[in-house]
Protein backbone atom coordinates (compact mmCIF):
# COMPACT_ATOMS: atom_id res chain seq x y z
CA MET A 1 -62.29 -12.22 100.76
CA PHE A 2 -62.13 -15.11 98.25
CA SER A 3 -65.75 -16.24 98.46
CA ASP A 4 -66.54 -15.02 94.92
CA TYR A 5 -64.02 -17.45 93.42
CA PRO A 6 -64.75 -21.09 92.51
CA ASP A 7 -63.24 -23.97 94.50
CA ILE A 8 -60.97 -24.89 91.58
CA LEU A 9 -59.15 -21.99 89.96
CA THR A 10 -57.43 -21.22 86.68
CA VAL A 11 -54.10 -19.42 86.44
CA GLU A 12 -55.94 -16.25 85.44
CA GLU A 13 -58.12 -16.42 88.57
CA LEU A 14 -55.04 -17.05 90.71
CA CYS A 15 -53.44 -13.93 89.24
CA GLU A 16 -56.56 -11.93 90.01
CA MET A 17 -56.80 -13.25 93.57
CA LEU A 18 -53.21 -12.43 94.44
CA THR A 19 -52.86 -9.40 92.14
CA ILE A 20 -49.80 -10.89 90.47
CA GLY A 21 -48.75 -11.44 86.89
CA LYS A 22 -48.77 -14.73 85.01
CA ASN A 23 -45.00 -15.20 85.31
CA ALA A 24 -45.21 -14.90 89.10
CA ALA A 25 -48.15 -17.30 89.18
CA TYR A 26 -46.33 -19.91 87.10
CA THR A 27 -43.28 -19.55 89.36
CA LEU A 28 -45.41 -20.20 92.46
CA LEU A 29 -46.98 -23.24 90.82
CA ALA A 30 -43.76 -24.70 89.40
CA SER A 31 -41.99 -24.32 92.75
CA ARG A 32 -44.94 -26.00 94.51
CA GLN A 33 -45.38 -23.02 96.85
CA ILE A 34 -49.02 -23.29 95.82
CA LYS A 35 -50.14 -26.89 95.46
CA ALA A 36 -51.93 -27.59 92.19
CA ALA A 37 -52.50 -30.23 89.56
CA ARG A 38 -51.41 -30.04 85.97
CA ILE A 39 -53.80 -31.66 83.49
CA ASN A 40 -52.33 -33.14 80.27
CA ASN A 41 -49.09 -31.36 81.12
CA ARG A 42 -50.52 -27.98 80.14
CA ILE A 43 -53.61 -26.86 82.11
CA TRP A 44 -53.24 -25.93 85.78
CA LYS A 45 -56.09 -26.62 88.21
CA ILE A 46 -55.55 -24.85 91.52
CA PRO A 47 -57.59 -25.60 94.65
CA LYS A 48 -58.77 -22.38 96.28
CA ILE A 49 -57.80 -23.80 99.67
CA ALA A 50 -54.19 -24.11 98.45
CA VAL A 51 -54.15 -20.39 97.68
CA ILE A 52 -55.63 -19.59 101.09
CA GLU A 53 -52.99 -21.76 102.78
CA TYR A 54 -50.26 -20.03 100.80
CA VAL A 55 -51.52 -16.57 101.80
CA LEU A 56 -51.76 -17.54 105.47
CA THR A 57 -48.36 -19.22 105.69
CA SER A 58 -46.56 -16.55 103.67
CA SER A 59 -47.99 -13.89 105.97
CA GLY A 60 -46.65 -15.67 109.04
CA LEU A 61 -49.88 -17.28 110.19
CA THR A 62 -48.68 -20.83 110.70
CA ASN A 63 -51.69 -22.28 112.51
CA VAL A 64 -53.80 -22.66 109.37
CA GLU A 65 -56.19 -25.20 110.94
CA SER A 66 -57.58 -22.68 113.42
CA PHE A 67 -58.15 -19.95 110.85
CA PRO A 68 -61.68 -19.49 109.49
CA THR A 69 -62.26 -21.05 106.08
CA ASN A 70 -65.32 -19.05 105.01
CA PHE A 71 -63.39 -16.94 102.52
């Protein structure tokens, strides 16, 4: 599902993965719903695993540890 994406994502790649717009992506990042790091207070670096965890938990799958990680 997400295997074509790098381990560290940009905002543009996050938008593509979740089929959302930039405003929605920035809202998810600013609210910490998706854990990410902000470099020099302007560039977001988003771990792919954080996006996977967000998708699983927001879809009601709470046992993230037992879910396969070979996305």
